[in-house]
Amino acid sequence: MKVIIIDRGEFMNETEKIAMDTAISEFLGFRHSAKHFFSYLDSHAEKDVILDFENVVLMSRSFAHEYQKRKGEIDKNIKEINVPKNINEMLLAVENPGNNSK
């Protein structure tokens, strides 16, 4: 998996910032992509990770489910930034499956 690290600044305390559109795709559609991505994250020493969702257009329910599952299992501090509204709504939908009615 090719991952583009946007910034690993000396003052960021070994924080890795990853552009999701470049690391995976602007269309996050496959469960196995989330699995591979978190395997990548788990193999790196950085404890703090910033995931930048700028330019991400779509996230499937299966990707979102696997993403939330793996995020809960990994021993990293993950912060998401620039999360588009539709991506945030999908993450919330899989996090709280009983609360999907509006």
N, C-alpha and C. Protein backbone atom coordinates (compact mmCIF):
# COMPACT_ATOMS: atom_id res chain seq x y z
N MET A 1 0.85 -1.17 0.00
CA MET A 1 0.00 0.00 0.00
C MET A 1 0.89 1.23 0.00
N LYS A 2 0.64 2.14 -0.90
CA LYS A 2 1.39 3.38 -0.96
C LYS A 2 0.67 4.42 -0.10
N VAL A 3 1.35 4.93 0.88
CA VAL A 3 0.76 5.94 1.76
C VAL A 3 1.59 7.20 1.66
N ILE A 4 0.92 8.30 1.44
CA ILE A 4 1.60 9.58 1.36
C ILE A 4 1.49 10.27 2.72
N ILE A 5 2.62 10.55 3.31
CA ILE A 5 2.64 11.26 4.57
C ILE A 5 2.75 12.74 4.26
N ILE A 6 1.75 13.48 4.68
CA ILE A 6 1.71 14.91 4.39
C ILE A 6 2.73 15.65 5.25
N ASP A 7 2.78 15.30 6.51
CA ASP A 7 3.63 16.07 7.41
C ASP A 7 4.03 15.20 8.59
N ARG A 8 5.30 15.17 8.86
CA ARG A 8 5.80 14.51 10.06
C ARG A 8 6.78 15.50 10.67
N GLY A 9 6.21 16.52 11.30
CA GLY A 9 7.02 17.61 11.82
C GLY A 9 7.72 17.26 13.11
N GLU A 10 8.86 17.90 13.32
CA GLU A 10 9.63 17.63 14.53
C GLU A 10 8.90 18.10 15.78
N PHE A 11 7.97 19.05 15.65
CA PHE A 11 7.24 19.55 16.80
C PHE A 11 5.91 18.85 16.99
N MET A 12 5.63 17.84 16.15
CA MET A 12 4.35 17.15 16.24
C MET A 12 4.43 15.91 17.11
N ASN A 13 5.55 15.70 17.79
CA ASN A 13 5.72 14.57 18.69
C ASN A 13 5.45 13.25 17.97
N GLU A 14 6.14 13.06 16.85
CA GLU A 14 6.01 11.83 16.07
C GLU A 14 4.56 11.55 15.68
N THR A 15 3.88 12.56 15.21
CA THR A 15 2.53 12.40 14.69
C THR A 15 2.61 12.21 13.19
N GLU A 16 1.89 11.24 12.70
CA GLU A 16 1.85 10.97 11.27
C GLU A 16 0.53 11.51 10.73
N LYS A 17 0.60 12.33 9.69
CA LYS A 17 -0.59 12.87 9.04
C LYS A 17 -0.71 12.24 7.67
N ILE A 18 -1.85 11.61 7.42
CA ILE A 18 -2.03 10.84 6.19
C ILE A 18 -3.23 11.36 5.42
N ALA A 19 -3.03 11.63 4.15
CA ALA A 19 -4.11 12.04 3.25
C ALA A 19 -4.83 10.77 2.77
N MET A 20 -6.07 10.59 3.18
CA MET A 20 -6.81 9.37 2.86
C MET A 20 -7.07 9.21 1.37
N ASP A 21 -7.28 10.31 0.66
CA ASP A 21 -7.54 10.21 -0.78
C ASP A 21 -6.32 9.70 -1.54
N THR A 22 -5.15 10.00 -1.04
CA THR A 22 -3.92 9.56 -1.67
C THR A 22 -3.50 8.18 -1.15
N ALA A 23 -3.70 7.95 0.13
CA ALA A 23 -3.30 6.68 0.74
C ALA A 23 -4.15 5.53 0.23
N ILE A 24 -5.45 5.77 0.06
CA ILE A 24 -6.35 4.70 -0.39
C ILE A 24 -7.00 5.14 -1.70
N SER A 25 -7.91 6.09 -1.61
CA SER A 25 -8.64 6.59 -2.78
C SER A 25 -9.61 7.66 -2.31
N GLU A 26 -10.12 8.44 -3.25
CA GLU A 26 -11.17 9.39 -2.89
C GLU A 26 -12.52 8.67 -2.78
N PHE A 27 -12.55 7.40 -3.21
CA PHE A 27 -13.74 6.55 -3.09
C PHE A 27 -13.39 5.39 -2.17
N LEU A 28 -13.78 5.49 -0.91
CA LEU A 28 -13.46 4.46 0.08
C LEU A 28 -14.58 3.42 0.06
N GLY A 29 -14.40 2.38 -0.76
CA GLY A 29 -15.51 1.49 -1.01
C GLY A 29 -15.36 0.06 -0.54
N PHE A 30 -14.15 -0.39 -0.23
CA PHE A 30 -13.96 -1.82 0.03
C PHE A 30 -13.51 -2.09 1.45
N ARG A 31 -14.13 -3.07 2.06
CA ARG A 31 -13.78 -3.48 3.43
C ARG A 31 -12.30 -3.86 3.53
N HIS A 32 -11.80 -4.59 2.53
CA HIS A 32 -10.39 -5.02 2.59
C HIS A 32 -9.44 -3.83 2.54
N SER A 33 -9.85 -2.72 1.92
CA SER A 33 -9.00 -1.52 1.90
C SER A 33 -8.81 -0.98 3.32
N ALA A 34 -9.88 -0.99 4.10
CA ALA A 34 -9.78 -0.55 5.50
C ALA A 34 -8.89 -1.49 6.30
N LYS A 35 -9.04 -2.80 6.07
CA LYS A 35 -8.19 -3.78 6.77
C LYS A 35 -6.72 -3.55 6.46
N HIS A 36 -6.40 -3.40 5.18
CA HIS A 36 -5.00 -3.18 4.78
C HIS A 36 -4.46 -1.87 5.33
N PHE A 37 -5.29 -0.84 5.32
CA PHE A 37 -4.86 0.46 5.82
C PHE A 37 -4.52 0.38 7.30
N PHE A 38 -5.37 -0.27 8.09
CA PHE A 38 -5.09 -0.36 9.52
C PHE A 38 -3.92 -1.29 9.83
N SER A 39 -3.69 -2.28 8.97
CA SER A 39 -2.48 -3.11 9.13
C SER A 39 -1.24 -2.24 8.92
N TYR A 40 -1.32 -1.35 7.92
CA TYR A 40 -0.23 -0.40 7.69
C TYR A 40 -0.01 0.48 8.93
N LEU A 41 -1.09 1.06 9.44
CA LEU A 41 -0.97 1.94 10.61
C LEU A 41 -0.36 1.19 11.80
N ASP A 42 -0.81 -0.03 11.99
CA ASP A 42 -0.36 -0.82 13.14
C ASP A 42 1.13 -1.14 13.05
N SER A 43 1.67 -1.18 11.85
CA SER A 43 3.08 -1.53 11.67
C SER A 43 4.03 -0.36 11.89
N HIS A 44 3.50 0.82 12.12
CA HIS A 44 4.34 2.00 12.31
C HIS A 44 4.40 2.42 13.77
N ALA A 45 5.50 3.00 14.16
CA ALA A 45 5.76 3.32 15.56
C ALA A 45 4.95 4.51 16.07
N GLU A 46 4.56 5.40 15.19
CA GLU A 46 3.87 6.60 15.64
C GLU A 46 2.59 6.24 16.39
N LYS A 47 2.45 6.81 17.57
CA LYS A 47 1.27 6.56 18.41
C LYS A 47 0.12 7.47 18.00
N ASP A 48 0.43 8.67 17.53
CA ASP A 48 -0.58 9.66 17.16
C ASP A 48 -0.65 9.77 15.65
N VAL A 49 -1.86 9.65 15.13
CA VAL A 49 -2.07 9.66 13.69
C VAL A 49 -3.22 10.61 13.36
N ILE A 50 -2.99 11.47 12.38
CA ILE A 50 -4.03 12.37 11.87
C ILE A 50 -4.41 11.87 10.49
N LEU A 51 -5.70 11.59 10.30
CA LEU A 51 -6.20 11.15 9.01
C LEU A 51 -6.96 12.29 8.38
N ASP A 52 -6.48 12.74 7.23
CA ASP A 52 -7.07 13.87 6.53
C ASP A 52 -8.01 13.35 5.43
N PHE A 53 -9.30 13.63 5.59
CA PHE A 53 -10.31 13.15 4.65
C PHE A 53 -10.64 14.17 3.56
N GLU A 54 -9.86 15.23 3.45
CA GLU A 54 -10.09 16.21 2.39
C GLU A 54 -10.03 15.50 1.04
N ASN A 55 -10.94 15.83 0.17
CA ASN A 55 -11.06 15.27 -1.18
C ASN A 55 -11.63 13.86 -1.23
N VAL A 56 -12.00 13.28 -0.09
CA VAL A 56 -12.68 11.99 -0.11
C VAL A 56 -14.14 12.26 -0.46
N VAL A 57 -14.63 11.56 -1.48
CA VAL A 57 -15.95 11.81 -2.04
C VAL A 57 -17.00 10.84 -1.49
N LEU A 58 -16.60 9.58 -1.31
CA LEU A 58 -17.56 8.55 -0.96
C LEU A 58 -16.95 7.55 0.00
N MET A 59 -17.77 7.07 0.94
CA MET A 59 -17.38 5.98 1.82
C MET A 59 -18.54 5.01 1.87
N SER A 60 -18.29 3.76 1.50
CA SER A 60 -19.35 2.75 1.54
C SER A 60 -19.61 2.34 2.98
N ARG A 61 -20.76 1.73 3.19
CA ARG A 61 -21.12 1.24 4.52
C ARG A 61 -20.14 0.15 4.97
N SER A 62 -19.73 -0.72 4.06
CA SER A 62 -18.81 -1.80 4.44
C SER A 62 -17.44 -1.23 4.84
N PHE A 63 -16.95 -0.24 4.10
CA PHE A 63 -15.68 0.39 4.48
C PHE A 63 -15.82 1.07 5.83
N ALA A 64 -16.91 1.81 6.01
CA ALA A 64 -17.14 2.53 7.27
C ALA A 64 -17.21 1.57 8.45
N HIS A 65 -17.89 0.45 8.26
CA HIS A 65 -18.01 -0.53 9.34
C HIS A 65 -16.64 -1.09 9.72
N GLU A 66 -15.87 -1.49 8.72
CA GLU A 66 -14.53 -2.04 8.98
C GLU A 66 -13.61 -0.97 9.58
N TYR A 67 -13.72 0.25 9.08
CA TYR A 67 -12.91 1.37 9.59
C TYR A 67 -13.18 1.58 11.07
N GLN A 68 -14.46 1.64 11.46
CA GLN A 68 -14.81 1.87 12.87
C GLN A 68 -14.36 0.70 13.74
N LYS A 69 -14.53 -0.51 13.22
CA LYS A 69 -14.11 -1.71 13.96
C LYS A 69 -12.61 -1.69 14.22
N ARG A 70 -11.84 -1.48 13.16
CA ARG A 70 -10.37 -1.48 13.28
C ARG A 70 -9.87 -0.30 14.11
N LYS A 71 -10.51 0.84 13.97
CA LYS A 71 -10.12 2.02 14.75
C LYS A 71 -10.27 1.75 16.25
N GLY A 72 -11.31 1.00 16.61
CA GLY A 72 -11.52 0.65 18.01
C GLY A 72 -10.53 -0.37 18.55
N GLU A 73 -9.92 -1.13 17.66
CA GLU A 73 -9.00 -2.19 18.07
C GLU A 73 -7.53 -1.76 18.09
N ILE A 74 -7.19 -0.75 17.34
CA ILE A 74 -5.78 -0.35 17.18
C ILE A 74 -5.32 0.49 18.38
N ASP A 75 -4.06 0.31 18.73
CA ASP A 75 -3.49 1.05 19.86
C ASP A 75 -2.81 2.33 19.35
N LYS A 76 -3.63 3.21 18.80
CA LYS A 76 -3.17 4.50 18.27
C LYS A 76 -4.18 5.56 18.65
N ASN A 77 -3.71 6.78 18.75
CA ASN A 77 -4.60 7.93 18.93
C ASN A 77 -4.88 8.49 17.54
N ILE A 78 -6.10 8.31 17.07
CA ILE A 78 -6.46 8.71 15.71
C ILE A 78 -7.35 9.93 15.76
N LYS A 79 -6.95 10.94 15.01
CA LYS A 79 -7.75 12.15 14.87
C LYS A 79 -8.09 12.32 13.40
N GLU A 80 -9.38 12.51 13.11
CA GLU A 80 -9.82 12.73 11.74
C GLU A 80 -10.04 14.22 11.52
N ILE A 81 -9.55 14.72 10.39
CA ILE A 81 -9.74 16.13 10.04
C ILE A 81 -10.33 16.24 8.64
N ASN A 82 -10.93 17.37 8.37
CA ASN A 82 -11.51 17.68 7.05
C ASN A 82 -12.48 16.58 6.59
N VAL A 83 -13.31 16.10 7.50
CA VAL A 83 -14.25 15.03 7.18
C VAL A 83 -15.50 15.64 6.54
N PRO A 84 -15.77 15.30 5.28
CA PRO A 84 -16.99 15.82 4.63
C PRO A 84 -18.24 15.33 5.35
N LYS A 85 -19.31 16.08 5.21
CA LYS A 85 -20.56 15.77 5.91
C LYS A 85 -21.05 14.36 5.60
N ASN A 86 -21.04 13.96 4.32
CA ASN A 86 -21.55 12.64 3.97
C ASN A 86 -20.70 11.52 4.56
N ILE A 87 -19.40 11.73 4.69
CA ILE A 87 -18.51 10.73 5.28
C ILE A 87 -18.78 10.64 6.78
N ASN A 88 -18.93 11.77 7.42
CA ASN A 88 -19.23 11.80 8.85
C ASN A 88 -20.56 11.10 9.13
N GLU A 89 -21.55 11.35 8.30
CA GLU A 89 -22.86 10.72 8.48
C GLU A 89 -22.76 9.20 8.33
N MET A 90 -21.97 8.72 7.40
CA MET A 90 -21.80 7.28 7.24
C MET A 90 -21.10 6.67 8.45
N LEU A 91 -20.07 7.34 8.95
CA LEU A 91 -19.38 6.84 10.14
C LEU A 91 -20.32 6.80 11.33
N LEU A 92 -21.14 7.81 11.48
CA LEU A 92 -22.12 7.83 12.58
C LEU A 92 -23.17 6.73 12.40
N ALA A 93 -23.58 6.48 11.17
CA ALA A 93 -24.59 5.46 10.89
C ALA A 93 -24.12 4.06 11.30
N VAL A 94 -22.87 3.74 11.03
CA VAL A 94 -22.38 2.42 11.41
C VAL A 94 -22.00 2.35 12.88
N GLU A 95 -21.70 3.49 13.46
CA GLU A 95 -21.38 3.54 14.89
C GLU A 95 -22.63 3.35 15.73
N ASN A 96 -23.74 3.92 15.26
CA ASN A 96 -25.02 3.86 15.97
C ASN A 96 -26.10 3.32 15.04
N PRO A 97 -26.05 2.00 14.74
CA PRO A 97 -26.96 1.46 13.72
C PRO A 97 -28.43 1.58 14.04
N GLY A 98 -28.82 1.70 15.28
CA GLY A 98 -30.23 1.80 15.65
C GLY A 98 -30.78 3.20 15.55
N ASN A 99 -29.92 4.19 15.28
CA ASN A 99 -30.33 5.60 15.28
C ASN A 99 -30.29 6.20 13.88
N ASN A 100 -30.67 5.44 12.86
CA ASN A 100 -30.58 5.92 11.49
C ASN A 100 -31.80 6.70 11.03
N SER A 101 -32.86 6.67 11.77
CA SER A 101 -34.06 7.40 11.33
C SER A 101 -33.91 8.88 11.65
N LYS A 102 -34.49 9.70 10.76
CA LYS A 102 -34.39 11.15 10.97
C LYS A 102 -35.71 11.72 11.34
